[in-house]
N, C-alpha and C. Protein backbone atom coordinates (compact mmCIF):
# COMPACT_ATOMS: atom_id res chain seq x y z
N MET A 1 -3.07 -6.48 9.24
CA MET A 1 -1.90 -5.63 9.17
C MET A 1 -1.36 -5.66 7.75
N ALA A 2 -0.91 -4.55 7.25
CA ALA A 2 -0.37 -4.46 5.90
C ALA A 2 1.14 -4.60 5.94
N ARG A 3 1.60 -5.78 5.57
CA ARG A 3 3.03 -6.03 5.41
C ARG A 3 3.29 -6.05 3.91
N ILE A 4 4.00 -5.06 3.43
CA ILE A 4 4.14 -4.82 2.00
C ILE A 4 5.54 -5.20 1.52
N TYR A 5 5.54 -5.97 0.43
CA TYR A 5 6.79 -6.32 -0.24
C TYR A 5 6.82 -5.58 -1.57
N GLN A 6 7.90 -4.86 -1.85
CA GLN A 6 8.03 -4.15 -3.12
C GLN A 6 8.76 -5.04 -4.11
N THR A 7 8.08 -5.37 -5.19
CA THR A 7 8.70 -6.19 -6.24
C THR A 7 9.15 -5.31 -7.39
N ASN A 8 10.17 -5.75 -8.09
CA ASN A 8 10.67 -5.03 -9.26
C ASN A 8 10.10 -5.60 -10.55
N ASN A 9 9.17 -6.55 -10.43
CA ASN A 9 8.57 -7.20 -11.58
C ASN A 9 7.05 -6.99 -11.54
N MET A 10 6.52 -6.27 -12.51
CA MET A 10 5.09 -5.96 -12.51
C MET A 10 4.24 -7.23 -12.49
N GLY A 11 4.68 -8.27 -13.14
CA GLY A 11 3.91 -9.51 -13.21
C GLY A 11 3.79 -10.24 -11.88
N GLU A 12 4.68 -9.97 -10.96
CA GLU A 12 4.65 -10.62 -9.64
C GLU A 12 3.83 -9.85 -8.62
N ALA A 13 3.42 -8.64 -8.95
CA ALA A 13 2.74 -7.77 -7.99
C ALA A 13 1.27 -8.13 -7.83
N ASP A 14 0.79 -8.00 -6.60
CA ASP A 14 -0.65 -8.10 -6.34
C ASP A 14 -1.35 -6.82 -6.76
N VAL A 15 -0.65 -5.69 -6.57
CA VAL A 15 -1.24 -4.38 -6.86
C VAL A 15 -0.19 -3.48 -7.49
N ARG A 16 -0.59 -2.78 -8.56
CA ARG A 16 0.26 -1.75 -9.17
C ARG A 16 -0.09 -0.42 -8.52
N VAL A 17 0.92 0.27 -8.00
CA VAL A 17 0.71 1.47 -7.18
C VAL A 17 1.47 2.66 -7.77
N ALA A 18 0.81 3.81 -7.76
CA ALA A 18 1.46 5.06 -8.15
C ALA A 18 1.49 5.99 -6.95
N ILE A 19 2.60 6.66 -6.78
CA ILE A 19 2.72 7.69 -5.75
C ILE A 19 2.32 9.01 -6.40
N VAL A 20 1.33 9.65 -5.83
CA VAL A 20 0.75 10.88 -6.40
C VAL A 20 0.66 11.95 -5.31
N PRO A 21 0.37 13.20 -5.70
CA PRO A 21 0.14 14.22 -4.68
C PRO A 21 -1.05 13.85 -3.79
N ARG A 22 -1.00 14.29 -2.57
CA ARG A 22 -2.00 13.93 -1.57
C ARG A 22 -3.44 14.13 -2.05
N GLY A 23 -3.73 15.19 -2.72
CA GLY A 23 -5.08 15.48 -3.17
C GLY A 23 -5.61 14.53 -4.22
N ASN A 24 -4.73 13.78 -4.87
CA ASN A 24 -5.13 12.83 -5.91
C ASN A 24 -5.09 11.38 -5.44
N ALA A 25 -4.72 11.13 -4.20
CA ALA A 25 -4.51 9.77 -3.70
C ALA A 25 -5.82 9.08 -3.31
N ASP A 26 -5.89 7.78 -3.62
CA ASP A 26 -6.98 6.95 -3.15
C ASP A 26 -6.76 6.57 -1.68
N LEU A 27 -5.48 6.41 -1.34
CA LEU A 27 -5.10 5.95 -0.01
C LEU A 27 -3.93 6.77 0.52
N LEU A 28 -4.07 7.26 1.73
CA LEU A 28 -2.96 7.95 2.41
C LEU A 28 -2.28 6.91 3.29
N VAL A 29 -0.98 6.73 3.08
CA VAL A 29 -0.22 5.65 3.73
C VAL A 29 0.80 6.21 4.70
N HIS A 30 0.85 5.59 5.88
CA HIS A 30 1.88 5.91 6.86
C HIS A 30 2.78 4.68 6.99
N ARG A 31 4.08 4.87 6.95
CA ARG A 31 5.02 3.75 7.09
C ARG A 31 5.22 3.44 8.56
N ALA A 32 4.83 2.25 8.95
CA ALA A 32 4.99 1.80 10.34
C ALA A 32 6.43 1.33 10.55
N THR A 33 6.94 1.53 11.73
CA THR A 33 8.32 1.15 12.03
C THR A 33 8.45 -0.29 12.52
N SER A 34 7.31 -0.94 12.77
CA SER A 34 7.35 -2.34 13.20
C SER A 34 6.07 -3.05 12.77
N TRP A 35 6.10 -4.38 12.79
CA TRP A 35 4.92 -5.17 12.44
C TRP A 35 3.75 -4.80 13.35
N GLY A 36 4.04 -4.63 14.62
CA GLY A 36 2.98 -4.35 15.59
C GLY A 36 2.26 -3.03 15.38
N LEU A 37 2.92 -2.08 14.74
CA LEU A 37 2.30 -0.78 14.50
C LEU A 37 1.55 -0.73 13.17
N ALA A 38 1.73 -1.74 12.34
CA ALA A 38 1.05 -1.79 11.05
C ALA A 38 -0.31 -2.44 11.23
N HIS A 39 -1.35 -1.76 10.73
CA HIS A 39 -2.68 -2.36 10.77
C HIS A 39 -3.54 -1.75 9.68
N GLY A 40 -4.52 -2.51 9.21
CA GLY A 40 -5.36 -2.05 8.12
C GLY A 40 -4.57 -1.86 6.84
N ASP A 41 -5.19 -1.24 5.87
CA ASP A 41 -4.54 -1.00 4.58
C ASP A 41 -3.61 0.20 4.59
N ALA A 42 -3.77 1.11 5.54
CA ALA A 42 -3.08 2.39 5.48
C ALA A 42 -1.80 2.47 6.32
N GLN A 43 -1.56 1.50 7.16
CA GLN A 43 -0.34 1.49 7.98
C GLN A 43 0.57 0.40 7.42
N TRP A 44 1.54 0.77 6.61
CA TRP A 44 2.38 -0.19 5.91
C TRP A 44 3.67 -0.46 6.66
N PHE A 45 3.96 -1.74 6.86
CA PHE A 45 5.29 -2.15 7.27
C PHE A 45 5.93 -2.74 6.02
N ILE A 46 7.01 -2.14 5.56
CA ILE A 46 7.69 -2.60 4.36
C ILE A 46 8.66 -3.72 4.76
N THR A 47 8.43 -4.90 4.20
CA THR A 47 9.28 -6.05 4.52
C THR A 47 10.18 -6.40 3.34
N ARG A 48 11.34 -6.93 3.64
CA ARG A 48 12.26 -7.36 2.60
C ARG A 48 12.03 -8.83 2.23
N GLU A 49 11.15 -9.48 2.97
CA GLU A 49 10.89 -10.91 2.76
C GLU A 49 9.51 -11.12 2.14
N ARG A 50 9.47 -11.62 0.92
CA ARG A 50 8.21 -11.84 0.21
C ARG A 50 7.26 -12.75 1.00
N GLN A 51 7.80 -13.78 1.63
CA GLN A 51 6.94 -14.74 2.35
C GLN A 51 6.27 -14.12 3.58
N ASP A 52 6.78 -13.00 4.08
CA ASP A 52 6.18 -12.33 5.24
C ASP A 52 5.10 -11.32 4.84
N ALA A 53 4.98 -11.04 3.56
CA ALA A 53 4.09 -9.97 3.09
C ALA A 53 2.63 -10.41 2.99
N THR A 54 1.75 -9.46 3.24
CA THR A 54 0.32 -9.67 2.98
C THR A 54 -0.02 -9.22 1.57
N ALA A 55 0.85 -8.40 0.95
CA ALA A 55 0.66 -7.97 -0.44
C ALA A 55 1.99 -7.54 -1.02
N SER A 56 2.14 -7.78 -2.32
CA SER A 56 3.32 -7.29 -3.02
C SER A 56 2.87 -6.18 -3.95
N VAL A 57 3.66 -5.12 -4.01
CA VAL A 57 3.30 -3.97 -4.84
C VAL A 57 4.42 -3.67 -5.83
N TYR A 58 4.01 -3.11 -6.93
CA TYR A 58 4.93 -2.63 -7.95
C TYR A 58 4.63 -1.15 -8.17
N PHE A 59 5.61 -0.31 -7.97
CA PHE A 59 5.41 1.12 -8.15
C PHE A 59 5.56 1.47 -9.63
N THR A 60 4.56 2.17 -10.15
CA THR A 60 4.50 2.49 -11.56
C THR A 60 3.92 3.89 -11.75
N SER A 61 3.72 4.26 -12.98
CA SER A 61 3.13 5.57 -13.28
C SER A 61 1.63 5.55 -13.03
N PRO A 62 1.01 6.71 -12.84
CA PRO A 62 -0.43 6.74 -12.58
C PRO A 62 -1.27 6.07 -13.68
N GLY A 63 -0.82 6.11 -14.91
CA GLY A 63 -1.58 5.52 -16.00
C GLY A 63 -1.69 4.00 -15.94
N PHE A 64 -0.73 3.35 -15.31
CA PHE A 64 -0.73 1.88 -15.20
C PHE A 64 -1.18 1.41 -13.83
N ALA A 65 -1.37 2.31 -12.90
CA ALA A 65 -1.64 1.95 -11.50
C ALA A 65 -3.09 1.52 -11.29
N GLN A 66 -3.25 0.59 -10.36
CA GLN A 66 -4.57 0.20 -9.88
C GLN A 66 -4.96 1.00 -8.65
N LEU A 67 -3.95 1.56 -7.98
CA LEU A 67 -4.15 2.28 -6.73
C LEU A 67 -3.19 3.46 -6.68
N SER A 68 -3.68 4.61 -6.29
CA SER A 68 -2.81 5.78 -6.12
C SER A 68 -2.69 6.07 -4.63
N ILE A 69 -1.44 6.31 -4.20
CA ILE A 69 -1.18 6.56 -2.79
C ILE A 69 -0.36 7.83 -2.61
N SER A 70 -0.39 8.32 -1.40
CA SER A 70 0.49 9.40 -0.98
C SER A 70 0.95 9.05 0.43
N PHE A 71 2.24 9.16 0.67
CA PHE A 71 2.76 8.88 2.01
C PHE A 71 2.53 10.10 2.90
N VAL A 72 2.14 9.84 4.14
CA VAL A 72 1.90 10.90 5.12
C VAL A 72 2.81 10.68 6.33
N ASP A 73 3.04 11.75 7.07
CA ASP A 73 3.98 11.71 8.19
C ASP A 73 3.40 11.13 9.48
N HIS A 74 2.09 11.22 9.64
CA HIS A 74 1.47 10.81 10.90
C HIS A 74 0.42 9.72 10.68
N ALA A 75 0.41 8.75 11.57
CA ALA A 75 -0.55 7.64 11.47
C ALA A 75 -1.99 8.14 11.49
N SER A 76 -2.24 9.21 12.19
CA SER A 76 -3.61 9.73 12.29
C SER A 76 -4.12 10.27 10.95
N GLU A 77 -3.24 10.57 10.02
CA GLU A 77 -3.63 11.08 8.70
C GLU A 77 -3.93 9.95 7.71
N ALA A 78 -3.49 8.75 8.01
CA ALA A 78 -3.57 7.63 7.07
C ALA A 78 -4.98 7.09 6.94
N GLY A 79 -5.32 6.66 5.73
CA GLY A 79 -6.62 6.05 5.48
C GLY A 79 -7.08 6.25 4.05
N TRP A 80 -8.19 5.61 3.74
CA TRP A 80 -8.79 5.75 2.41
C TRP A 80 -9.42 7.13 2.27
N THR A 81 -9.25 7.73 1.10
CA THR A 81 -9.83 9.05 0.85
C THR A 81 -11.16 8.95 0.13
N ARG A 82 -11.43 7.77 -0.45
CA ARG A 82 -12.68 7.53 -1.19
C ARG A 82 -12.92 6.03 -1.27
N PRO A 83 -14.14 5.61 -1.57
CA PRO A 83 -14.40 4.18 -1.74
C PRO A 83 -13.52 3.61 -2.87
N HIS A 84 -13.05 2.38 -2.69
CA HIS A 84 -12.15 1.79 -3.68
C HIS A 84 -12.33 0.28 -3.68
N ARG A 85 -12.25 -0.33 -4.84
CA ARG A 85 -12.46 -1.78 -4.96
C ARG A 85 -11.35 -2.60 -4.29
N LEU A 86 -10.21 -2.00 -4.03
CA LEU A 86 -9.10 -2.73 -3.39
C LEU A 86 -9.11 -2.61 -1.87
N LYS A 87 -10.10 -1.96 -1.33
CA LYS A 87 -10.16 -1.78 0.13
C LYS A 87 -10.12 -3.15 0.81
N GLY A 88 -9.17 -3.33 1.70
CA GLY A 88 -9.01 -4.58 2.44
C GLY A 88 -8.02 -5.55 1.85
N CYS A 89 -7.64 -5.36 0.60
CA CYS A 89 -6.77 -6.36 -0.05
C CYS A 89 -5.30 -6.28 0.37
N LEU A 90 -4.85 -5.14 0.84
CA LEU A 90 -3.44 -4.99 1.19
C LEU A 90 -3.09 -5.64 2.52
N SER A 91 -4.07 -5.77 3.38
CA SER A 91 -3.80 -6.31 4.70
C SER A 91 -4.32 -7.74 4.88
N HIS A 92 -4.90 -8.31 3.82
CA HIS A 92 -5.50 -9.64 3.96
C HIS A 92 -5.12 -10.64 2.89
N ASN A 93 -3.92 -10.53 2.33
CA ASN A 93 -3.44 -11.50 1.33
C ASN A 93 -4.37 -11.68 0.15
N GLY A 94 -4.39 -10.76 -0.74
CA GLY A 94 -5.13 -10.96 -1.99
C GLY A 94 -5.86 -9.73 -2.44
N SER A 95 -6.04 -9.64 -3.76
CA SER A 95 -6.72 -8.48 -4.33
C SER A 95 -8.03 -8.86 -4.95
């Protein structure tokens, strides 16, 4: 399950992420409303507690990002759009 903590410090982040238009995204993300609904890399539960997170992210510009995402409205739309070296790292503690 992807429990994501948003950090305001780039040095503390596991992954630097840019929000881009859907057609340019590596990963389409759906925000889950509970821990139980979050699974895999594409269903994010945003937590306010760093110790509960499986990954911490820092939102930045596309030029500095390691991963580009686009948020989608439906869980059925979420997922990887292409092969990526970070596949699996958001839901399993580590990049």
